Amino acid sequence: MNTKIGVYEGYDMYYDSAHKQFLAYDGNDEITDSASQEGLERKLKSMNKKTFKRIPVIDIGGYGYNGKKVMAGEITSINHEDRDIWYVLDGHRRKTGISYCGLSPNTPENRAIAEQVVAKLKEAQRIEVEAKALEETMTKIDHAYLGVSK
């Protein structure tokens, strides 16, 4: 059971008595935890969202070749202690580690490259469909080809 113990640096703080941990939430999202309230406050101070200047970012996302698109968003906070980045991309809030984030600054140069990548992925999908169709025209080894009864 979580019991709210206050607000610190704009984040709601709770104590989870079942797991004996202090938790911080931003809306409905748990963003960090600690064994002590002091540790939690230290983590929250390091990711103070009031003074953090949001960073515009882009990423290539979606499913399959045709579903790929350039998605825009922004990094909303950095947890230096846990080495996590919180960001919003196409309206969805996410978390990732700093060392494998994969986001790019939203600059005209990066946006142009990302658009080229999406176009190449769509072209690759078209080529894959053509290759599969061509492969289907090949004669296959089967019972009839080998003169063997089924």
N, C-alpha and C. Protein backbone atom coordinates (compact mmCIF):
# COMPACT_ATOMS: atom_id res chain seq x y z
N MET A 1 0.85 -1.18 0.00
CA MET A 1 0.00 0.00 0.00
C MET A 1 0.88 1.24 0.00
N ASN A 2 0.60 2.16 -0.89
CA ASN A 2 1.37 3.40 -0.99
C ASN A 2 0.66 4.51 -0.24
N THR A 3 1.42 5.22 0.56
CA THR A 3 0.89 6.35 1.31
C THR A 3 1.62 7.61 0.86
N LYS A 4 0.86 8.60 0.44
CA LYS A 4 1.48 9.84 -0.01
C LYS A 4 2.09 10.56 1.19
N ILE A 5 3.36 10.97 1.02
CA ILE A 5 4.04 11.66 2.11
C ILE A 5 4.36 13.11 1.78
N GLY A 6 4.11 13.51 0.53
CA GLY A 6 4.35 14.90 0.19
C GLY A 6 4.72 15.10 -1.27
N VAL A 7 5.12 16.33 -1.56
CA VAL A 7 5.55 16.71 -2.90
C VAL A 7 6.93 17.33 -2.76
N TYR A 8 7.85 16.94 -3.64
CA TYR A 8 9.20 17.48 -3.60
C TYR A 8 9.66 17.73 -5.02
N GLU A 9 10.14 18.93 -5.30
CA GLU A 9 10.63 19.32 -6.63
C GLU A 9 9.58 19.05 -7.72
N GLY A 10 8.31 19.14 -7.36
CA GLY A 10 7.24 18.95 -8.33
C GLY A 10 6.79 17.51 -8.51
N TYR A 11 7.37 16.57 -7.77
CA TYR A 11 7.02 15.16 -7.87
C TYR A 11 6.28 14.71 -6.61
N ASP A 12 5.29 13.85 -6.78
CA ASP A 12 4.57 13.28 -5.64
C ASP A 12 5.42 12.17 -5.03
N MET A 13 5.57 12.21 -3.71
CA MET A 13 6.35 11.18 -3.01
C MET A 13 5.40 10.29 -2.21
N TYR A 14 5.70 8.98 -2.25
CA TYR A 14 4.90 7.99 -1.54
C TYR A 14 5.82 7.05 -0.78
N TYR A 15 5.25 6.43 0.26
CA TYR A 15 5.97 5.36 0.95
C TYR A 15 5.21 4.07 0.70
N ASP A 16 5.93 3.06 0.19
CA ASP A 16 5.36 1.73 -0.06
C ASP A 16 5.72 0.86 1.14
N SER A 17 4.76 0.66 2.04
CA SER A 17 5.02 -0.08 3.28
C SER A 17 5.26 -1.56 3.02
N ALA A 18 4.70 -2.11 1.96
CA ALA A 18 4.89 -3.54 1.66
C ALA A 18 6.34 -3.82 1.25
N HIS A 19 6.93 -2.91 0.48
CA HIS A 19 8.30 -3.11 0.00
C HIS A 19 9.32 -2.24 0.73
N LYS A 20 8.83 -1.45 1.68
CA LYS A 20 9.70 -0.55 2.47
C LYS A 20 10.57 0.32 1.57
N GLN A 21 9.89 1.01 0.64
CA GLN A 21 10.59 1.89 -0.29
C GLN A 21 9.84 3.20 -0.42
N PHE A 22 10.60 4.24 -0.72
CA PHE A 22 10.03 5.55 -1.02
C PHE A 22 10.00 5.69 -2.54
N LEU A 23 8.88 6.15 -3.05
CA LEU A 23 8.67 6.23 -4.50
C LEU A 23 8.33 7.66 -4.90
N ALA A 24 8.71 8.03 -6.11
CA ALA A 24 8.35 9.34 -6.65
C ALA A 24 7.57 9.13 -7.93
N TYR A 25 6.52 9.91 -8.10
CA TYR A 25 5.66 9.81 -9.28
C TYR A 25 5.55 11.17 -9.95
N ASP A 26 5.44 11.13 -11.26
CA ASP A 26 5.10 12.29 -12.06
C ASP A 26 3.79 11.93 -12.73
N GLY A 27 2.70 12.41 -12.19
CA GLY A 27 1.38 11.96 -12.66
C GLY A 27 1.18 10.52 -12.24
N ASN A 28 0.91 9.65 -13.21
CA ASN A 28 0.71 8.23 -12.90
C ASN A 28 1.98 7.40 -13.08
N ASP A 29 3.07 8.03 -13.51
CA ASP A 29 4.29 7.30 -13.82
C ASP A 29 5.27 7.33 -12.66
N GLU A 30 5.68 6.13 -12.20
CA GLU A 30 6.73 6.05 -11.19
C GLU A 30 8.04 6.41 -11.88
N ILE A 31 8.78 7.35 -11.30
CA ILE A 31 10.01 7.77 -11.97
C ILE A 31 11.27 7.34 -11.26
N THR A 32 11.22 7.15 -9.94
CA THR A 32 12.40 6.68 -9.22
C THR A 32 11.98 6.21 -7.85
N ASP A 33 12.90 5.52 -7.18
CA ASP A 33 12.63 5.05 -5.83
C ASP A 33 13.92 5.06 -5.03
N SER A 34 13.78 4.87 -3.72
CA SER A 34 14.93 4.85 -2.84
C SER A 34 14.53 4.17 -1.53
N ALA A 35 15.53 3.68 -0.81
CA ALA A 35 15.26 3.03 0.48
C ALA A 35 14.96 4.07 1.56
N SER A 36 15.34 5.33 1.33
CA SER A 36 15.09 6.37 2.33
C SER A 36 14.46 7.59 1.68
N GLN A 37 13.78 8.38 2.49
CA GLN A 37 13.18 9.61 1.97
C GLN A 37 14.27 10.59 1.57
N GLU A 38 15.35 10.62 2.34
CA GLU A 38 16.47 11.52 2.01
C GLU A 38 17.08 11.14 0.66
N GLY A 39 17.25 9.83 0.44
CA GLY A 39 17.79 9.36 -0.84
C GLY A 39 16.88 9.70 -2.00
N LEU A 40 15.58 9.57 -1.77
CA LEU A 40 14.60 9.92 -2.80
C LEU A 40 14.67 11.41 -3.12
N GLU A 41 14.73 12.23 -2.09
CA GLU A 41 14.81 13.68 -2.31
C GLU A 41 16.09 14.06 -3.04
N ARG A 42 17.20 13.37 -2.72
CA ARG A 42 18.47 13.63 -3.41
C ARG A 42 18.33 13.31 -4.90
N LYS A 43 17.70 12.17 -5.22
CA LYS A 43 17.48 11.81 -6.62
C LYS A 43 16.60 12.84 -7.32
N LEU A 44 15.54 13.25 -6.65
CA LEU A 44 14.61 14.21 -7.25
C LEU A 44 15.29 15.56 -7.46
N LYS A 45 16.14 15.95 -6.54
CA LYS A 45 16.85 17.22 -6.68
C LYS A 45 17.75 17.19 -7.92
N SER A 46 18.35 16.01 -8.18
CA SER A 46 19.26 15.90 -9.33
C SER A 46 18.51 15.94 -10.65
N MET A 47 17.20 15.73 -10.62
CA MET A 47 16.42 15.77 -11.86
C MET A 47 15.36 16.86 -11.80
N ASN A 48 15.65 17.91 -11.09
CA ASN A 48 14.71 19.01 -10.89
C ASN A 48 14.12 19.48 -12.20
N LYS A 49 12.85 19.19 -12.41
CA LYS A 49 12.22 19.53 -13.69
C LYS A 49 11.85 21.00 -13.80
N LYS A 50 11.85 21.72 -12.67
CA LYS A 50 11.52 23.15 -12.74
C LYS A 50 12.61 23.93 -13.45
N THR A 51 13.86 23.54 -13.25
CA THR A 51 14.97 24.28 -13.84
C THR A 51 15.52 23.60 -15.10
N PHE A 52 15.01 22.42 -15.43
CA PHE A 52 15.51 21.68 -16.58
C PHE A 52 14.99 22.32 -17.86
N LYS A 53 15.91 22.62 -18.78
CA LYS A 53 15.52 23.16 -20.08
C LYS A 53 15.27 21.98 -21.01
N ARG A 54 14.01 21.82 -21.41
CA ARG A 54 13.64 20.70 -22.26
C ARG A 54 14.44 20.71 -23.56
N ILE A 55 14.75 19.52 -24.05
CA ILE A 55 15.57 19.37 -25.24
C ILE A 55 14.71 18.77 -26.36
N PRO A 56 14.51 19.51 -27.45
CA PRO A 56 13.74 18.97 -28.58
C PRO A 56 14.51 17.81 -29.23
N VAL A 57 13.80 16.69 -29.48
CA VAL A 57 14.43 15.51 -30.04
C VAL A 57 13.55 14.91 -31.15
N ILE A 58 14.18 14.04 -31.94
CA ILE A 58 13.45 13.24 -32.93
C ILE A 58 13.93 11.80 -32.83
N ASP A 59 13.12 10.90 -33.36
CA ASP A 59 13.47 9.49 -33.43
C ASP A 59 12.71 8.89 -34.60
N ILE A 60 13.19 7.77 -35.09
CA ILE A 60 12.48 7.05 -36.14
C ILE A 60 11.77 5.90 -35.46
N GLY A 61 10.46 5.88 -35.58
CA GLY A 61 9.69 4.84 -34.89
C GLY A 61 8.62 4.28 -35.78
N GLY A 62 7.84 3.39 -35.21
CA GLY A 62 6.77 2.74 -35.94
C GLY A 62 7.09 1.28 -36.17
N TYR A 63 6.14 0.58 -36.78
CA TYR A 63 6.29 -0.86 -36.99
C TYR A 63 6.38 -1.18 -38.47
N GLY A 64 7.28 -2.08 -38.83
CA GLY A 64 7.44 -2.48 -40.22
C GLY A 64 8.01 -1.33 -41.05
N TYR A 65 8.39 -1.66 -42.27
CA TYR A 65 8.96 -0.64 -43.13
C TYR A 65 7.98 0.51 -43.39
N ASN A 66 6.75 0.17 -43.75
CA ASN A 66 5.79 1.21 -44.11
C ASN A 66 5.31 2.02 -42.92
N GLY A 67 5.41 1.47 -41.73
CA GLY A 67 4.95 2.19 -40.54
C GLY A 67 5.98 3.14 -39.97
N LYS A 68 7.19 3.12 -40.50
CA LYS A 68 8.24 3.98 -39.97
C LYS A 68 7.93 5.44 -40.27
N LYS A 69 8.23 6.28 -39.28
CA LYS A 69 8.03 7.72 -39.46
C LYS A 69 8.97 8.46 -38.52
N VAL A 70 9.16 9.73 -38.81
CA VAL A 70 9.95 10.58 -37.94
C VAL A 70 9.02 11.09 -36.85
N MET A 71 9.40 10.85 -35.61
CA MET A 71 8.59 11.27 -34.47
C MET A 71 9.33 12.38 -33.73
N ALA A 72 8.60 13.41 -33.38
CA ALA A 72 9.19 14.55 -32.67
C ALA A 72 8.74 14.55 -31.22
N GLY A 73 9.58 15.07 -30.36
CA GLY A 73 9.25 15.18 -28.94
C GLY A 73 10.29 15.99 -28.22
N GLU A 74 10.42 15.72 -26.91
CA GLU A 74 11.41 16.44 -26.13
C GLU A 74 11.79 15.65 -24.90
N ILE A 75 13.04 15.82 -24.49
CA ILE A 75 13.49 15.26 -23.22
C ILE A 75 12.94 16.18 -22.14
N THR A 76 12.23 15.59 -21.17
CA THR A 76 11.58 16.39 -20.14
C THR A 76 12.35 16.43 -18.85
N SER A 77 13.18 15.42 -18.58
CA SER A 77 14.02 15.43 -17.38
C SER A 77 15.10 14.36 -17.49
N ILE A 78 16.13 14.55 -16.69
CA ILE A 78 17.23 13.59 -16.62
C ILE A 78 17.44 13.24 -15.16
N ASN A 79 17.48 11.95 -14.87
CA ASN A 79 17.78 11.49 -13.52
C ASN A 79 19.26 11.10 -13.53
N HIS A 80 20.11 12.00 -13.03
CA HIS A 80 21.56 11.79 -13.08
C HIS A 80 21.98 10.61 -12.22
N GLU A 81 21.30 10.41 -11.12
CA GLU A 81 21.68 9.33 -10.21
C GLU A 81 21.38 7.96 -10.81
N ASP A 82 20.19 7.79 -11.40
CA ASP A 82 19.82 6.52 -12.03
C ASP A 82 20.28 6.44 -13.48
N ARG A 83 20.76 7.57 -14.03
CA ARG A 83 21.22 7.68 -15.41
C ARG A 83 20.11 7.36 -16.40
N ASP A 84 18.93 7.91 -16.11
CA ASP A 84 17.75 7.74 -16.96
C ASP A 84 17.35 9.06 -17.58
N ILE A 85 16.75 8.98 -18.75
CA ILE A 85 16.18 10.14 -19.44
C ILE A 85 14.68 9.90 -19.54
N TRP A 86 13.90 10.91 -19.19
CA TRP A 86 12.45 10.88 -19.41
C TRP A 86 12.17 11.77 -20.60
N TYR A 87 11.35 11.27 -21.51
CA TYR A 87 11.03 12.05 -22.71
C TYR A 87 9.61 11.78 -23.16
N VAL A 88 9.10 12.69 -23.97
CA VAL A 88 7.79 12.54 -24.59
C VAL A 88 8.04 12.50 -26.09
N LEU A 89 7.48 11.49 -26.75
CA LEU A 89 7.65 11.33 -28.19
C LEU A 89 6.30 10.96 -28.77
N ASP A 90 5.83 11.77 -29.71
CA ASP A 90 4.51 11.58 -30.31
C ASP A 90 3.42 11.41 -29.26
N GLY A 91 3.52 12.21 -28.20
CA GLY A 91 2.50 12.21 -27.16
C GLY A 91 2.61 11.10 -26.13
N HIS A 92 3.61 10.24 -26.23
CA HIS A 92 3.78 9.14 -25.28
C HIS A 92 5.00 9.39 -24.40
N ARG A 93 4.81 9.27 -23.08
CA ARG A 93 5.89 9.50 -22.13
C ARG A 93 6.67 8.20 -21.95
N ARG A 94 8.00 8.31 -22.02
CA ARG A 94 8.86 7.12 -21.95
C ARG A 94 10.11 7.42 -21.13
N LYS A 95 10.78 6.33 -20.78
CA LYS A 95 12.05 6.43 -20.05
C LYS A 95 13.07 5.56 -20.75
N THR A 96 14.32 6.00 -20.77
CA THR A 96 15.40 5.21 -21.35
C THR A 96 16.69 5.54 -20.59
N GLY A 97 17.66 4.69 -20.72
CA GLY A 97 18.97 4.94 -20.13
C GLY A 97 19.77 5.92 -20.97
N ILE A 98 20.59 6.71 -20.34
CA ILE A 98 21.40 7.71 -21.05
C ILE A 98 22.32 7.04 -22.07
N SER A 99 22.94 5.90 -21.70
CA SER A 99 23.95 5.30 -22.57
C SER A 99 23.36 4.62 -23.81
N TYR A 100 22.07 4.34 -23.83
CA TYR A 100 21.48 3.72 -25.02
C TYR A 100 20.18 4.40 -25.44
N CYS A 101 20.21 5.70 -25.40
CA CYS A 101 18.98 6.47 -25.62
C CYS A 101 18.51 6.45 -27.06
N GLY A 102 19.35 6.63 -28.06
CA GLY A 102 18.95 6.55 -29.45
C GLY A 102 18.22 7.77 -30.00
N LEU A 103 17.96 8.76 -29.17
CA LEU A 103 17.29 9.97 -29.63
C LEU A 103 18.31 10.88 -30.30
N SER A 104 17.82 11.76 -31.16
CA SER A 104 18.68 12.73 -31.84
C SER A 104 18.14 14.13 -31.60
N PRO A 105 19.03 15.12 -31.50
CA PRO A 105 18.55 16.50 -31.37
C PRO A 105 17.69 16.86 -32.59
N ASN A 106 16.61 17.58 -32.36
CA ASN A 106 15.72 17.96 -33.45
C ASN A 106 16.28 19.19 -34.14
N THR A 107 17.20 18.92 -35.09
CA THR A 107 17.80 19.99 -35.89
C THR A 107 17.35 19.78 -37.33
N PRO A 108 17.42 20.82 -38.16
CA PRO A 108 17.05 20.64 -39.57
C PRO A 108 17.89 19.55 -40.25
N GLU A 109 19.18 19.48 -39.91
CA GLU A 109 20.05 18.47 -40.51
C GLU A 109 19.60 17.06 -40.12
N ASN A 110 19.37 16.82 -38.81
CA ASN A 110 18.95 15.50 -38.36
C ASN A 110 17.58 15.13 -38.92
N ARG A 111 16.70 16.11 -39.00
CA ARG A 111 15.36 15.84 -39.53
C ARG A 111 15.45 15.41 -41.00
N ALA A 112 16.29 16.08 -41.78
CA ALA A 112 16.46 15.73 -43.19
C ALA A 112 17.03 14.32 -43.32
N ILE A 113 18.00 13.97 -42.50
CA ILE A 113 18.58 12.62 -42.53
C ILE A 113 17.53 11.59 -42.14
N ALA A 114 16.76 11.88 -41.10
CA ALA A 114 15.72 10.95 -40.64
C ALA A 114 14.68 10.72 -41.73
N GLU A 115 14.31 11.77 -42.45
CA GLU A 115 13.35 11.63 -43.56
C GLU A 115 13.93 10.74 -44.66
N GLN A 116 15.24 10.87 -44.91
CA GLN A 116 15.90 10.03 -45.90
C GLN A 116 15.90 8.57 -45.44
N VAL A 117 16.15 8.34 -44.16
CA VAL A 117 16.14 6.98 -43.61
C VAL A 117 14.76 6.35 -43.79
N VAL A 118 13.71 7.09 -43.47
CA VAL A 118 12.34 6.59 -43.62
C VAL A 118 12.07 6.25 -45.09
N ALA A 119 12.49 7.12 -45.99
CA ALA A 119 12.28 6.87 -47.43
C ALA A 119 13.02 5.61 -47.87
N LYS A 120 14.25 5.42 -47.39
CA LYS A 120 15.03 4.22 -47.74
C LYS A 120 14.38 2.96 -47.18
N LEU A 121 13.83 3.04 -45.97
CA LEU A 121 13.15 1.89 -45.38
C LEU A 121 11.91 1.51 -46.19
N LYS A 122 11.19 2.52 -46.67
CA LYS A 122 10.02 2.24 -47.52
C LYS A 122 10.46 1.63 -48.85
N GLU A 123 11.56 2.12 -49.39
CA GLU A 123 12.10 1.57 -50.63
C GLU A 123 12.54 0.12 -50.41
N ALA A 124 13.17 -0.15 -49.27
CA ALA A 124 13.60 -1.51 -48.95
C ALA A 124 12.41 -2.45 -48.86
N GLN A 125 11.31 -1.97 -48.32
CA GLN A 125 10.10 -2.79 -48.21
C GLN A 125 9.56 -3.12 -49.60
N ARG A 126 9.55 -2.12 -50.49
CA ARG A 126 9.09 -2.33 -51.86
C ARG A 126 9.97 -3.35 -52.56
N ILE A 127 11.27 -3.24 -52.38
CA ILE A 127 12.22 -4.17 -53.02
C ILE A 127 12.03 -5.58 -52.45
N GLU A 128 11.79 -5.68 -51.16
CA GLU A 128 11.56 -6.99 -50.54
C GLU A 128 10.32 -7.66 -51.12
N VAL A 129 9.26 -6.91 -51.32
CA VAL A 129 8.03 -7.45 -51.91
C VAL A 129 8.30 -7.93 -53.33
N GLU A 130 9.04 -7.12 -54.11
CA GLU A 130 9.37 -7.51 -55.47
C GLU A 130 10.22 -8.78 -55.49
N ALA A 131 11.18 -8.87 -54.58
CA ALA A 131 12.06 -10.04 -54.51
C ALA A 131 11.27 -11.30 -54.16
N LYS A 132 10.36 -11.19 -53.22
CA LYS A 132 9.52 -12.34 -52.85
C LYS A 132 8.65 -12.78 -54.02
N ALA A 133 8.08 -11.82 -54.74
CA ALA A 133 7.24 -12.15 -55.90
C ALA A 133 8.09 -12.84 -56.97
N LEU A 134 9.29 -12.36 -57.21
CA LEU A 134 10.19 -12.97 -58.19
C LEU A 134 10.57 -14.38 -57.75
N GLU A 135 10.86 -14.55 -56.47
CA GLU A 135 11.23 -15.86 -55.93
C GLU A 135 10.10 -16.87 -56.13
N GLU A 136 8.86 -16.42 -56.01
CA GLU A 136 7.70 -17.31 -56.18
C GLU A 136 7.59 -17.85 -57.59
N THR A 137 8.24 -17.20 -58.57
CA THR A 137 8.17 -17.68 -59.96
C THR A 137 9.19 -18.79 -60.23
N MET A 138 10.08 -19.04 -59.29
CA MET A 138 11.10 -20.09 -59.47
C MET A 138 10.45 -21.48 -59.37
N THR A 139 10.95 -22.41 -60.18
CA THR A 139 10.52 -23.80 -60.08
C THR A 139 11.10 -24.36 -58.79
N LYS A 140 10.26 -25.07 -58.06
CA LYS A 140 10.69 -25.64 -56.78
C LYS A 140 10.83 -27.15 -56.90
N ILE A 141 11.71 -27.71 -56.13
CA ILE A 141 11.85 -29.16 -56.06
C ILE A 141 10.67 -29.68 -55.25
N ASP A 142 9.89 -30.56 -55.86
CA ASP A 142 8.78 -31.17 -55.16
C ASP A 142 8.65 -32.62 -55.62
N HIS A 143 7.58 -33.29 -55.18
CA HIS A 143 7.38 -34.71 -55.53
C HIS A 143 7.35 -34.89 -57.05
N ALA A 144 6.60 -34.05 -57.74
CA ALA A 144 6.46 -34.18 -59.19
C ALA A 144 7.81 -33.97 -59.88
N TYR A 145 8.57 -32.99 -59.44
CA TYR A 145 9.87 -32.69 -60.05
C TYR A 145 10.81 -33.89 -59.93
N LEU A 146 10.74 -34.56 -58.79
CA LEU A 146 11.62 -35.69 -58.52
C LEU A 146 11.06 -37.02 -59.06
N GLY A 147 9.79 -36.97 -59.53
CA GLY A 147 9.17 -38.20 -60.02
C GLY A 147 8.85 -39.17 -58.91
N VAL A 148 8.59 -38.67 -57.76
CA VAL A 148 8.28 -39.50 -56.59
C VAL A 148 6.81 -39.31 -56.27
N SER A 149 6.13 -40.42 -55.93
CA SER A 149 4.71 -40.28 -55.58
C SER A 149 4.58 -39.71 -54.18
N LYS A 150 3.45 -39.06 -53.95
CA LYS A 150 3.20 -38.43 -52.65
C LYS A 150 2.96 -39.45 -51.62
